[in-house]
């Protein structure tokens, strides 16, 4: 009687073990996918921040180059070119403000005031 009952019990235990192993494999896969997604998001965030910083530096450099060009216009001997330089300096001050650098805007405003004297 024991032999006829042990075979179905062994089959049932083996099936339960296989289901348990399958469930563990599934949960492990879910955890791995979640960790991969988190790492990918962290990498994406770091790359986005790097591009934002790089863009910020490039824009700041361009604004500083414009300031140098405007200063040369204001120092020019032609009154028309000096006047164009004053207008360009005013526009540059507005661009510094939109860039969030009001200290640099103040530098432009001081330059505009000084150039009009």
PDB file of N, CA and C in Angstrom:
ATOM      1  N   UNK A   1       0.802  -1.175   0.000  1.00  0.00           N
ATOM      2  CA  UNK A   1       0.000   0.000   0.000  1.00  0.00           C
ATOM      3  C   UNK A   1       0.867   1.271   0.000  1.00  0.00           C
ATOM      4  N   UNK A   2       1.989   1.219   0.590  1.00  0.00           N
ATOM      5  CA  UNK A   2       2.883   2.356   0.652  1.00  0.00           C
ATOM      6  C   UNK A   2       3.486   2.660  -0.722  1.00  0.00           C
ATOM      7  N   UNK A   3       3.750   1.627  -1.475  1.00  0.00           N
ATOM      8  CA  UNK A   3       4.347   1.848  -2.788  1.00  0.00           C
ATOM      9  C   UNK A   3       3.372   2.511  -3.745  1.00  0.00           C
ATOM     10  N   UNK A   4       2.105   2.192  -3.662  1.00  0.00           N
ATOM     11  CA  UNK A   4       1.138   2.813  -4.568  1.00  0.00           C
ATOM     12  C   UNK A   4       0.860   4.276  -4.182  1.00  0.00           C
ATOM     13  N   UNK A   5       1.038   4.645  -2.939  1.00  0.00           N
ATOM     14  CA  UNK A   5       0.813   6.009  -2.487  1.00  0.00           C
ATOM     15  C   UNK A   5       2.072   6.864  -2.658  1.00  0.00           C
ATOM     16  N   UNK A   6       3.254   6.294  -2.606  1.00  0.00           N
ATOM     17  CA  UNK A   6       4.496   7.057  -2.675  1.00  0.00           C
ATOM     18  C   UNK A   6       4.748   7.607  -4.073  1.00  0.00           C
ATOM     19  N   UNK A   7       4.332   6.915  -5.107  1.00  0.00           N
ATOM     20  CA  UNK A   7       4.558   7.409  -6.471  1.00  0.00           C
ATOM     21  C   UNK A   7       3.781   8.701  -6.746  1.00  0.00           C
ATOM     22  N   UNK A   8       2.472   8.794  -6.475  1.00  0.00           N
ATOM     23  CA  UNK A   8       1.763  10.049  -6.697  1.00  0.00           C
ATOM     24  C   UNK A   8       2.273  11.167  -5.786  1.00  0.00           C
ATOM     25  N   UNK A   9       2.668  10.831  -4.555  1.00  0.00           N
ATOM     26  CA  UNK A   9       3.211  11.837  -3.640  1.00  0.00           C
ATOM     27  C   UNK A   9       4.525  12.386  -4.171  1.00  0.00           C
ATOM     28  N   UNK A  10       5.379  11.528  -4.675  1.00  0.00           N
ATOM     29  CA  UNK A  10       6.657  11.955  -5.237  1.00  0.00           C
ATOM     30  C   UNK A  10       6.434  12.825  -6.468  1.00  0.00           C
ATOM     31  N   UNK A  11       5.478  12.457  -7.283  1.00  0.00           N
ATOM     32  CA  UNK A  11       5.165  13.253  -8.469  1.00  0.00           C
ATOM     33  C   UNK A  11       4.630  14.620  -8.077  1.00  0.00           C
ATOM     34  N   UNK A  12       3.769  14.643  -7.073  1.00  0.00           N
ATOM     35  CA  UNK A  12       3.212  15.896  -6.609  1.00  0.00           C
ATOM     36  C   UNK A  12       4.302  16.779  -5.996  1.00  0.00           C
ATOM     37  N   UNK A  13       5.209  16.225  -5.232  1.00  0.00           N
ATOM     38  CA  UNK A  13       6.312  16.997  -4.647  1.00  0.00           C
ATOM     39  C   UNK A  13       7.258  17.509  -5.727  1.00  0.00           C
ATOM     40  N   UNK A  14       7.524  16.676  -6.719  1.00  0.00           N
ATOM     41  CA  UNK A  14       8.389  17.105  -7.817  1.00  0.00           C
ATOM     42  C   UNK A  14       7.730  18.246  -8.589  1.00  0.00           C
ATOM     43  N   UNK A  15       6.433  18.157  -8.819  1.00  0.00           N
ATOM     44  CA  UNK A  15       5.700  19.225  -9.502  1.00  0.00           C
ATOM     45  C   UNK A  15       5.704  20.505  -8.691  1.00  0.00           C
ATOM     46  N   UNK A  16       5.500  20.375  -7.385  1.00  0.00           N
ATOM     47  CA  UNK A  16       5.516  21.555  -6.514  1.00  0.00           C
ATOM     48  C   UNK A  16       6.903  22.193  -6.513  1.00  0.00           C
ATOM     49  N   UNK A  17       7.936  21.350  -6.520  1.00  0.00           N
ATOM     50  CA  UNK A  17       9.312  21.870  -6.572  1.00  0.00           C
ATOM     51  C   UNK A  17       9.568  22.598  -7.884  1.00  0.00           C
ATOM     52  N   UNK A  18       9.057  22.039  -8.980  1.00  0.00           N
ATOM     53  CA  UNK A  18       9.232  22.677 -10.288  1.00  0.00           C
ATOM     54  C   UNK A  18       8.481  24.013 -10.333  1.00  0.00           C
ATOM     55  N   UNK A  19       7.276  24.063  -9.794  1.00  0.00           N
ATOM     56  CA  UNK A  19       6.516  25.320  -9.743  1.00  0.00           C
ATOM     57  C   UNK A  19       7.226  26.355  -8.874  1.00  0.00           C
ATOM     58  N   UNK A  20       7.761  25.898  -7.739  1.00  0.00           N
ATOM     59  CA  UNK A  20       8.507  26.802  -6.854  1.00  0.00           C
ATOM     60  C   UNK A  20       9.745  27.355  -7.551  1.00  0.00           C
ATOM     61  N   UNK A  21      10.469  26.493  -8.258  1.00  0.00           N
ATOM     62  CA  UNK A  21      11.663  26.943  -8.991  1.00  0.00           C
ATOM     63  C   UNK A  21      11.270  27.929 -10.085  1.00  0.00           C
ATOM     64  N   UNK A  22      10.163  27.655 -10.762  1.00  0.00           N
ATOM     65  CA  UNK A  22       9.675  28.574 -11.798  1.00  0.00           C
ATOM     66  C   UNK A  22       9.304  29.923 -11.213  1.00  0.00           C
ATOM     67  N   UNK A  23       8.633  29.905 -10.063  1.00  0.00           N
ATOM     68  CA  UNK A  23       8.250  31.163  -9.414  1.00  0.00           C
ATOM     69  C   UNK A  23       9.483  31.950  -8.985  1.00  0.00           C
ATOM     70  N   UNK A  24      10.489  31.285  -8.447  1.00  0.00           N
ATOM     71  CA  UNK A  24      11.727  31.971  -8.055  1.00  0.00           C
ATOM     72  C   UNK A  24      12.444  32.559  -9.268  1.00  0.00           C
ATOM     73  N   UNK A  25      12.472  31.813 -10.358  1.00  0.00           N
ATOM     74  CA  UNK A  25      13.110  32.315 -11.577  1.00  0.00           C
ATOM     75  C   UNK A  25      12.376  33.551 -12.100  1.00  0.00           C
ATOM     76  N   UNK A  26      11.048  33.509 -12.063  1.00  0.00           N
ATOM     77  CA  UNK A  26      10.250  34.653 -12.510  1.00  0.00           C
ATOM     78  C   UNK A  26      10.514  35.877 -11.632  1.00  0.00           C
ATOM     79  N   UNK A  27      10.493  35.687 -10.316  1.00  0.00           N
ATOM     80  CA  UNK A  27      10.735  36.810  -9.399  1.00  0.00           C
ATOM     81  C   UNK A  27      12.144  37.363  -9.550  1.00  0.00           C
ATOM     82  N   UNK A  28      13.112  36.492  -9.753  1.00  0.00           N
ATOM     83  CA  UNK A  28      14.492  36.929  -9.970  1.00  0.00           C
ATOM     84  C   UNK A  28      14.582  37.743 -11.264  1.00  0.00           C
ATOM     85  N   UNK A  29      13.892  37.300 -12.304  1.00  0.00           N
ATOM     86  CA  UNK A  29      13.862  38.048 -13.564  1.00  0.00           C
ATOM     87  C   UNK A  29      13.233  39.417 -13.391  1.00  0.00           C
ATOM     88  N   UNK A  30      12.150  39.482 -12.627  1.00  0.00           N
ATOM     89  CA  UNK A  30      11.497  40.764 -12.364  1.00  0.00           C
ATOM     90  C   UNK A  30      12.442  41.716 -11.631  1.00  0.00           C
ATOM     91  N   UNK A  31      13.129  41.199 -10.635  1.00  0.00           N
ATOM     92  CA  UNK A  31      14.066  42.013  -9.861  1.00  0.00           C
ATOM     93  C   UNK A  31      15.204  42.508 -10.760  1.00  0.00           C
ATOM     94  N   UNK A  32      15.710  41.626 -11.600  1.00  0.00           N
ATOM     95  CA  UNK A  32      16.796  42.001 -12.503  1.00  0.00           C
ATOM     96  C   UNK A  32      16.331  43.088 -13.477  1.00  0.00           C
ATOM     97  N   UNK A  33      15.128  42.935 -14.018  1.00  0.00           N
ATOM     98  CA  UNK A  33      14.609  43.952 -14.937  1.00  0.00           C
ATOM     99  C   UNK A  33      14.422  45.290 -14.219  1.00  0.00           C
ATOM    100  N   UNK A  34      13.959  45.253 -12.991  1.00  0.00           N
ATOM    101  CA  UNK A  34      13.774  46.496 -12.233  1.00  0.00           C
ATOM    102  C   UNK A  34      15.110  47.177 -11.961  1.00  0.00           C
ATOM    103  N   UNK A  35      16.116  46.400 -11.598  1.00  0.00           N
ATOM    104  CA  UNK A  35      17.444  46.973 -11.357  1.00  0.00           C
ATOM    105  C   UNK A  35      18.047  47.522 -12.649  1.00  0.00           C
ATOM    106  N   UNK A  36      17.875  46.792 -13.744  1.00  0.00           N
ATOM    107  CA  UNK A  36      18.370  47.280 -15.034  1.00  0.00           C
ATOM    108  C   UNK A  36      17.701  48.590 -15.423  1.00  0.00           C
ATOM    109  N   UNK A  37      16.395  48.678 -15.194  1.00  0.00           N
ATOM    110  CA  UNK A  37      15.662  49.912 -15.505  1.00  0.00           C
ATOM    111  C   UNK A  37      16.160  51.065 -14.636  1.00  0.00           C
ATOM    112  N   UNK A  38      16.412  50.793 -13.365  1.00  0.00           N
ATOM    113  CA  UNK A  38      16.907  51.844 -12.464  1.00  0.00           C
ATOM    114  C   UNK A  38      18.297  52.305 -12.888  1.00  0.00           C
ATOM    115  N   UNK A  39      19.163  51.374 -13.261  1.00  0.00           N
ATOM    116  CA  UNK A  39      20.505  51.749 -13.717  1.00  0.00           C
ATOM    117  C   UNK A  39      20.438  52.532 -15.025  1.00  0.00           C
ATOM    118  N   UNK A  40      19.566  52.103 -15.914  1.00  0.00           N
ATOM    119  CA  UNK A  40      19.412  52.813 -17.181  1.00  0.00           C
ATOM    120  C   UNK A  40      18.912  54.237 -16.933  1.00  0.00           C
ATOM    121  N   UNK A  41      17.959  54.396 -16.029  1.00  0.00           N
ATOM    122  CA  UNK A  41      17.437  55.727 -15.722  1.00  0.00           C
ATOM    123  C   UNK A  41      18.521  56.603 -15.100  1.00  0.00           C
ATOM    124  N   UNK A  42      19.331  56.019 -14.219  1.00  0.00           N
ATOM    125  CA  UNK A  42      20.423  56.786 -13.604  1.00  0.00           C
ATOM    126  C   UNK A  42      21.435  57.212 -14.664  1.00  0.00           C
ATOM    127  N   UNK A  43      21.759  56.319 -15.587  1.00  0.00           N
ATOM    128  CA  UNK A  43      22.689  56.663 -16.668  1.00  0.00           C
ATOM    129  C   UNK A  43      22.108  57.760 -17.553  1.00  0.00           C
ATOM    130  N   UNK A  44      20.830  57.647 -17.852  1.00  0.00           N
ATOM    131  CA  UNK A  44      20.167  58.653 -18.676  1.00  0.00           C
ATOM    132  C   UNK A  44      20.158  60.002 -17.970  1.00  0.00           C
ATOM    133  N   UNK A  45      19.884  60.005 -16.684  1.00  0.00           N
ATOM    134  CA  UNK A  45      19.884  61.258 -15.914  1.00  0.00           C
ATOM    135  C   UNK A  45      21.264  61.897 -15.890  1.00  0.00           C
ATOM    136  N   UNK A  46      22.303  61.066 -15.687  1.00  0.00           N
ATOM    137  CA  UNK A  46      23.673  61.610 -15.690  1.00  0.00           C
ATOM    138  C   UNK A  46      24.025  62.184 -17.050  1.00  0.00           C
ATOM    139  N   UNK A  47      23.657  61.494 -18.117  1.00  0.00           N
ATOM    140  CA  UNK A  47      23.958  61.980 -19.463  1.00  0.00           C
ATOM    141  C   UNK A  47      23.198  63.268 -19.764  1.00  0.00           C
ATOM    142  N   UNK A  48      21.942  63.328 -19.348  1.00  0.00           N
ATOM    143  CA  UNK A  48      21.139  64.542 -19.556  1.00  0.00           C
ATOM    144  C   UNK A  48      21.756  65.719 -18.802  1.00  0.00           C
ATOM    145  N   UNK A  49      22.198  65.479 -17.583  1.00  0.00           N
ATOM    146  CA  UNK A  49      22.831  66.546 -16.799  1.00  0.00           C
ATOM    147  C   UNK A  49      24.132  66.998 -17.453  1.00  0.00           C
ATOM    148  N   UNK A  50      24.902  66.039 -17.981  1.00  0.00           N
ATOM    149  CA  UNK A  50      26.155  66.386 -18.644  1.00  0.00           C
ATOM    150  C   UNK A  50      25.877  67.254 -19.869  1.00  0.00           C
ATOM    151  N   UNK A  51      24.866  66.885 -20.663  1.00  0.00           N
ATOM    152  CA  UNK A  51      24.524  67.678 -21.843  1.00  0.00           C
ATOM    153  C   UNK A  51      24.014  69.062 -21.447  1.00  0.00           C
ATOM    154  N   UNK A  52      23.246  69.122 -20.376  1.00  0.00           N
ATOM    155  CA  UNK A  52      22.738  70.412 -19.909  1.00  0.00           C
ATOM    156  C   UNK A  52      23.901  71.311 -19.476  1.00  0.00           C
ATOM    157  N   UNK A  53      24.860  70.745 -18.748  1.00  0.00           N
ATOM    158  CA  UNK A  53      26.031  71.524 -18.326  1.00  0.00           C
ATOM    159  C   UNK A  53      26.856  71.967 -19.528  1.00  0.00           C
ATOM    160  N   UNK A  54      27.018  71.059 -20.492  1.00  0.00           N
ATOM    161  CA  UNK A  54      27.784  71.385 -21.691  1.00  0.00           C
ATOM    162  C   UNK A  54      27.102  72.493 -22.482  1.00  0.00           C
ATOM    163  N   UNK A  55      25.787  72.417 -22.598  1.00  0.00           N
ATOM    164  CA  UNK A  55      25.021  73.441 -23.300  1.00  0.00           C
ATOM    165  C   UNK A  55      25.122  74.778 -22.565  1.00  0.00           C
ATOM    166  N   UNK A  56      25.065  74.724 -21.242  1.00  0.00           N
ATOM    167  CA  UNK A  56      25.178  75.941 -20.425  1.00  0.00           C
ATOM    168  C   UNK A  56      26.538  76.613 -20.667  1.00  0.00           C
ATOM    169  N   UNK A  57      27.611  75.806 -20.658  1.00  0.00           N
ATOM    170  CA  UNK A  57      28.948  76.365 -20.885  1.00  0.00           C
ATOM    171  C   UNK A  57      29.072  76.953 -22.284  1.00  0.00           C
ATOM    172  N   UNK A  58      28.517  76.282 -23.279  1.00  0.00           N
ATOM    173  CA  UNK A  58      28.595  76.777 -24.656  1.00  0.00           C
ATOM    174  C   UNK A  58      27.829  78.095 -24.802  1.00  0.00           C
ATOM    175  N   UNK A  59      26.662  78.170 -24.194  1.00  0.00           N
ATOM    176  CA  UNK A  59      25.873  79.404 -24.294  1.00  0.00           C
ATOM    177  C   UNK A  59      26.568  80.551 -23.572  1.00  0.00           C
ATOM    178  N   UNK A  60      27.125  80.261 -22.404  1.00  0.00           N
ATOM    179  CA  UNK A  60      27.847  81.303 -21.661  1.00  0.00           C
ATOM    180  C   UNK A  60      29.053  81.793 -22.456  1.00  0.00           C
ATOM    181  N   UNK A  61      29.760  80.874 -23.076  1.00  0.00           N
ATOM    182  CA  UNK A  61      30.918  81.243 -23.895  1.00  0.00           C
ATOM    183  C   UNK A  61      30.504  82.120 -25.070  1.00  0.00           C
ATOM    184  N   UNK A  62      29.390  81.776 -25.705  1.00  0.00           N
ATOM    185  CA  UNK A  62      28.902  82.569 -26.833  1.00  0.00           C
ATOM    186  C   UNK A  62      28.523  83.981 -26.380  1.00  0.00           C
ATOM    187  N   UNK A  63      27.899  84.088 -25.222  1.00  0.00           N
ATOM    188  CA  UNK A  63      27.536  85.412 -24.706  1.00  0.00           C
ATOM    189  C   UNK A  63      28.787  86.229 -24.383  1.00  0.00           C
ATOM    190  N   UNK A  64      29.792  85.578 -23.830  1.00  0.00           N
ATOM    191  CA  UNK A  64      31.046  86.303 -23.540  1.00  0.00           C
ATOM    192  C   UNK A  64      31.746  86.738 -24.829  1.00  0.00           C
ATOM    193  N   UNK A  65      31.697  85.904 -25.846  1.00  0.00           N
ATOM    194  CA  UNK A  65      32.278  86.287 -27.140  1.00  0.00           C
ATOM    195  C   UNK A  65      31.539  87.479 -27.729  1.00  0.00           C
ATOM    196  N   UNK A  66      30.220  87.489 -27.577  1.00  0.00           N
ATOM    197  CA  UNK A  66      29.441  88.634 -28.053  1.00  0.00           C
ATOM    198  C   UNK A  66      29.827  89.902 -27.311  1.00  0.00           C
ATOM    199  N   UNK A  67      30.087  89.774 -26.009  1.00  0.00           N
ATOM    200  CA  UNK A  67      30.477  90.950 -25.228  1.00  0.00           C
ATOM    201  C   UNK A  67      31.795  91.521 -25.754  1.00  0.00           C
ATOM    202  N   UNK A  68      32.723  90.635 -26.065  1.00  0.00           N
ATOM    203  CA  UNK A  68      34.012  91.076 -26.611  1.00  0.00           C
ATOM    204  C   UNK A  68      33.819  91.801 -27.939  1.00  0.00           C
ATOM    205  N   UNK A  69      32.968  91.260 -28.803  1.00  0.00           N
ATOM    206  CA  UNK A  69      32.710  91.894 -30.098  1.00  0.00           C
ATOM    207  C   UNK A  69      32.022  93.242 -29.920  1.00  0.00           C
ATOM    208  N   UNK A  70      31.093  93.322 -28.990  1.00  0.00           N
ATOM    209  CA  UNK A  70      30.379  94.575 -28.736  1.00  0.00           C
ATOM    210  C   UNK A  70      31.339  95.619 -28.175  1.00  0.00           C
ATOM    211  N   UNK A  71      32.237  95.212 -27.295  1.00  0.00           N
ATOM    212  CA  UNK A  71      33.214  96.158 -26.735  1.00  0.00           C
ATOM    213  C   UNK A  71      34.072  96.750 -27.851  1.00  0.00           C
ATOM    214  N   UNK A  72      34.423  95.923 -28.833  1.00  0.00           N
ATOM    215  CA  UNK A  72      35.197  96.425 -29.967  1.00  0.00           C
ATOM    216  C   UNK A  72      34.369  97.424 -30.780  1.00  0.00           C
ATOM    217  N   UNK A  73      33.074  97.173 -30.927  1.00  0.00           N
ATOM    218  CA  UNK A  73      32.217  98.112 -31.651  1.00  0.00           C
ATOM    219  C   UNK A  73      32.124  99.448 -30.907  1.00  0.00           C
ATOM    220  N   UNK A  74      31.992  99.380 -29.599  1.00  0.00           N
ATOM    221  CA  UNK A  74      31.850 100.607 -28.821  1.00  0.00           C
ATOM    222  C   UNK A  74      33.140 101.433 -28.863  1.00  0.00           C
ATOM    223  N   UNK A  75      34.265 100.779 -29.024  1.00  0.00           N
ATOM    224  CA  UNK A  75      35.550 101.487 -29.085  1.00  0.00           C
ATOM    225  C   UNK A  75      35.875 101.962 -30.503  1.00  0.00           C
ATOM    226  N   UNK A  76      35.030 101.660 -31.456  1.00  0.00           N
ATOM    227  CA  UNK A  76      35.292 102.014 -32.862  1.00  0.00           C
ATOM    228  C   UNK A  76      35.226 103.528 -33.038  1.00  0.00           C
ATOM    229  N   UNK A  77      35.939 104.037 -34.048  1.00  0.00           N
ATOM    230  CA  UNK A  77      35.949 105.483 -34.264  1.00  0.00           C
ATOM    231  C   UNK A  77      34.683 105.993 -34.950  1.00  0.00           C
ATOM    232  N   UNK A  78      33.945 105.122 -35.627  1.00  0.00           N
ATOM    233  CA  UNK A  78      32.720 105.529 -36.316  1.00  0.00           C
ATOM    234  C   UNK A  78      31.559 105.607 -35.316  1.00  0.00           C
ATOM    235  N   UNK A  79      30.859 106.723 -35.349  1.00  0.00           N
ATOM    236  CA  UNK A  79      29.729 106.921 -34.433  1.00  0.00           C
ATOM    237  C   UNK A  79      28.609 105.924 -34.719  1.00  0.00           C
ATOM    238  N   UNK A  80      28.385 105.595 -35.970  1.00  0.00           N
ATOM    239  CA  UNK A  80      27.318 104.650 -36.318  1.00  0.00           C
ATOM    240  C   UNK A  80      27.630 103.258 -35.762  1.00  0.00           C
ATOM    241  N   UNK A  81      28.887 102.868 -35.848  1.00  0.00           N
ATOM    242  CA  UNK A  81      29.275 101.548 -35.323  1.00  0.00           C
ATOM    243  C   UNK A  81      29.207 101.555 -33.795  1.00  0.00           C
ATOM    244  N   UNK A  82      29.608 102.669 -33.174  1.00  0.00           N
ATOM    245  CA  UNK A  82      29.495 102.763 -31.714  1.00  0.00           C
ATOM    246  C   UNK A  82      28.035 102.672 -31.285  1.00  0.00           C
ATOM    247  N   UNK A  83      27.143 103.346 -32.013  1.00  0.00           N
ATOM    248  CA  UNK A  83      25.722 103.301 -31.677  1.00  0.00           C
ATOM    249  C   UNK A  83      25.179 101.877 -31.852  1.00  0.00           C
ATOM    250  N   UNK A  84      25.588 101.211 -32.912  1.00  0.00           N
ATOM    251  CA  UNK A  84      25.172  99.810 -33.102  1.00  0.00           C
ATOM    252  C   UNK A  84      25.687  98.949 -31.953  1.00  0.00           C
ATOM    253  N   UNK A  85      26.888  99.251 -31.474  1.00  0.00           N
ATOM    254  CA  UNK A  85      27.452  98.523 -30.339  1.00  0.00           C
ATOM    255  C   UNK A  85      26.636  98.719 -29.070  1.00  0.00           C
ATOM    256  N   UNK A  86      26.139  99.933 -28.862  1.00  0.00           N
ATOM    257  CA  UNK A  86      25.307 100.207 -27.683  1.00  0.00           C
ATOM    258  C   UNK A  86      24.011  99.410 -27.758  1.00  0.00           C
ATOM    259  N   UNK A  87      23.392  99.388 -28.941  1.00  0.00           N
ATOM    260  CA  UNK A  87      22.168  98.591 -29.102  1.00  0.00           C
ATOM    261  C   UNK A  87      22.454  97.096 -28.904  1.00  0.00           C
ATOM    262  N   UNK A  88      23.580  96.644 -29.429  1.00  0.00           N
ATOM    263  CA  UNK A  88      23.946  95.228 -29.269  1.00  0.00           C
ATOM    264  C   UNK A  88      24.212  94.902 -27.801  1.00  0.00           C
ATOM    265  N   UNK A  89      24.809  95.847 -27.079  1.00  0.00           N
ATOM    266  CA  UNK A  89      25.076  95.629 -25.657  1.00  0.00           C
ATOM    267  C   UNK A  89      23.776  95.550 -24.860  1.00  0.00           C
ATOM    268  N   UNK A  90      22.803  96.352 -25.241  1.00  0.00           N
ATOM    269  CA  UNK A  90      21.492  96.301 -24.588  1.00  0.00           C
ATOM    270  C   UNK A  90      20.822  94.951 -24.838  1.00  0.00           C
ATOM    271  N   UNK A  91      20.891  94.472 -26.088  1.00  0.00           N
ATOM    272  CA  UNK A  91      20.325  93.156 -26.415  1.00  0.00           C
ATOM    273  C   UNK A  91      21.072  92.061 -25.663  1.00  0.00           C
ATOM    274  N   UNK A  92      22.369  92.208 -25.535  1.00  0.00           N
ATOM    275  CA  UNK A  92      23.169  91.232 -24.800  1.00  0.00           C
ATOM    276  C   UNK A  92      22.762  91.202 -23.324  1.00  0.00           C
ATOM    277  N   UNK A  93      22.492  92.356 -22.760  1.00  0.00           N
ATOM    278  CA  UNK A  93      22.042  92.409 -21.361  1.00  0.00           C
ATOM    279  C   UNK A  93      20.732  91.649 -21.197  1.00  0.00           C
ATOM    280  N   UNK A  94      19.824  91.802 -22.154  1.00  0.00           N
ATOM    281  CA  UNK A  94      18.560  91.048 -22.100  1.00  0.00           C
ATOM    282  C   UNK A  94      18.811  89.543 -22.209  1.00  0.00           C
ATOM    283  N   UNK A  95      19.762  89.149 -23.050  1.00  0.00           N
ATOM    284  CA  UNK A  95      20.077  87.721 -23.192  1.00  0.00           C
ATOM    285  C   UNK A  95      20.697  87.165 -21.916  1.00  0.00           C
ATOM    286  N   UNK A  96      21.562  87.951 -21.258  1.00  0.00           N
ATOM    287  CA  UNK A  96      22.123  87.500 -19.982  1.00  0.00           C
ATOM    288  C   UNK A  96      21.002  87.310 -18.953  1.00  0.00           C
ATOM    289  N   UNK A  97      20.039  88.223 -18.968  1.00  0.00           N
ATOM    290  CA  UNK A  97      18.909  88.099 -18.034  1.00  0.00           C
ATOM    291  C   UNK A  97      18.109  86.825 -18.314  1.00  0.00           C
ATOM    292  N   UNK A  98      17.836  86.551 -19.582  1.00  0.00           N
ATOM    293  CA  UNK A  98      17.077  85.338 -19.910  1.00  0.00           C
ATOM    294  C   UNK A  98      17.885  84.088 -19.590  1.00  0.00           C
ATOM    295  N   UNK A  99      19.211  84.218 -19.545  1.00  0.00           N
ATOM    296  CA  UNK A  99      20.090  83.111 -19.187  1.00  0.00           C
ATOM    297  C   UNK A  99      20.138  82.924 -17.673  1.00  0.00           C
ATOM    298  N   UNK A 100      19.618  83.916 -16.941  1.00  0.00           N
ATOM    299  CA  UNK A 100      19.570  83.810 -15.482  1.00  0.00           C
ATOM    300  C   UNK A 100      20.790  84.384 -14.793  1.00  0.00           C
ATOM    301  N   UNK A 101      21.540  85.200 -15.498  1.00  0.00           N
ATOM    302  CA  UNK A 101      22.762  85.786 -14.930  1.00  0.00           C
ATOM    303  C   UNK A 101      22.590  87.300 -14.847  1.00  0.00           C
ATOM    304  N   UNK A 102      21.915  87.743 -13.805  1.00  0.00           N
ATOM    305  CA  UNK A 102      21.668  89.178 -13.673  1.00  0.00           C
ATOM    306  C   UNK A 102      22.927  89.964 -13.319  1.00  0.00           C
ATOM    307  N   UNK A 103      23.938  89.322 -12.737  1.00  0.00           N
ATOM    308  CA  UNK A 103      25.204  90.024 -12.481  1.00  0.00           C
ATOM    309  C   UNK A 103      25.852  90.416 -13.809  1.00  0.00           C
ATOM    310  N   UNK A 104      25.819  89.518 -14.775  1.00  0.00           N
ATOM    311  CA  UNK A 104      26.384  89.820 -16.091  1.00  0.00           C
ATOM    312  C   UNK A 104      25.529  90.868 -16.804  1.00  0.00           C
ATOM    313  N   UNK A 105      24.234  90.826 -16.572  1.00  0.00           N
ATOM    314  CA  UNK A 105      23.346  91.842 -17.144  1.00  0.00           C
ATOM    315  C   UNK A 105      23.731  93.212 -16.604  1.00  0.00           C
ATOM    316  N   UNK A 106      24.054  93.257 -15.321  1.00  0.00           N
ATOM    317  CA  UNK A 106      24.459  94.524 -14.715  1.00  0.00           C
ATOM    318  C   UNK A 106      25.755  95.036 -15.344  1.00  0.00           C
ATOM    319  N   UNK A 107      26.666  94.125 -15.665  1.00  0.00           N
ATOM    320  CA  UNK A 107      27.909  94.528 -16.339  1.00  0.00           C
ATOM    321  C   UNK A 107      27.578  95.184 -17.676  1.00  0.00           C
ATOM    322  N   UNK A 108      26.650  94.579 -18.425  1.00  0.00           N
ATOM    323  CA  UNK A 108      26.248  95.152 -19.711  1.00  0.00           C
ATOM    324  C   UNK A 108      25.577  96.503 -19.527  1.00  0.00           C
ATOM    325  N   UNK A 109      24.724  96.607 -18.509  1.00  0.00           N
ATOM    326  CA  UNK A 109      24.033  97.872 -18.266  1.00  0.00           C
ATOM    327  C   UNK A 109      25.023  98.961 -17.901  1.00  0.00           C
ATOM    328  N   UNK A 110      26.034  98.619 -17.120  1.00  0.00           N
ATOM    329  CA  UNK A 110      27.065  99.596 -16.769  1.00  0.00           C
ATOM    330  C   UNK A 110      27.852 100.005 -18.000  1.00  0.00           C
ATOM    331  N   UNK A 111      28.114  99.060 -18.869  1.00  0.00           N
ATOM    332  CA  UNK A 111      28.833  99.365 -20.104  1.00  0.00           C
ATOM    333  C   UNK A 111      28.016 100.255 -21.013  1.00  0.00           C
ATOM    334  N   UNK A 112      26.701 100.015 -21.068  1.00  0.00           N
ATOM    335  CA  UNK A 112      25.832 100.847 -21.891  1.00  0.00           C
ATOM    336  C   UNK A 112      25.797 102.273 -21.348  1.00  0.00           C
ATOM    337  N   UNK A 113      25.722 102.397 -20.030  1.00  0.00           N
ATOM    338  CA  UNK A 113      25.705 103.721 -19.405  1.00  0.00           C
ATOM    339  C   UNK A 113      27.014 104.442 -19.653  1.00  0.00           C
ATOM    340  N   UNK A 114      28.123 103.721 -19.471  1.00  0.00           N
ATOM    341  CA  UNK A 114      29.441 104.340 -19.646  1.00  0.00           C
ATOM    342  C   UNK A 114      29.670 104.748 -21.093  1.00  0.00           C
ATOM    343  N   UNK A 115      29.142 103.956 -22.030  1.00  0.00           N
ATOM    344  CA  UNK A 115      29.399 104.269 -23.435  1.00  0.00           C
ATOM    345  C   UNK A 115      28.571 105.454 -23.913  1.00  0.00           C
ATOM    346  N   UNK A 116      27.527 105.818 -23.196  1.00  0.00           N
ATOM    347  CA  UNK A 116      26.677 106.924 -23.610  1.00  0.00           C
ATOM    348  C   UNK A 116      27.165 108.263 -23.059  1.00  0.00           C
ATOM    349  N   UNK A 117      28.138 108.206 -22.171  1.00  0.00           N
ATOM    350  CA  UNK A 117      28.640 109.467 -21.599  1.00  0.00           C
ATOM    351  C   UNK A 117      29.540 110.178 -22.544  1.00  0.00           C
TER     352      UNK A 117
END
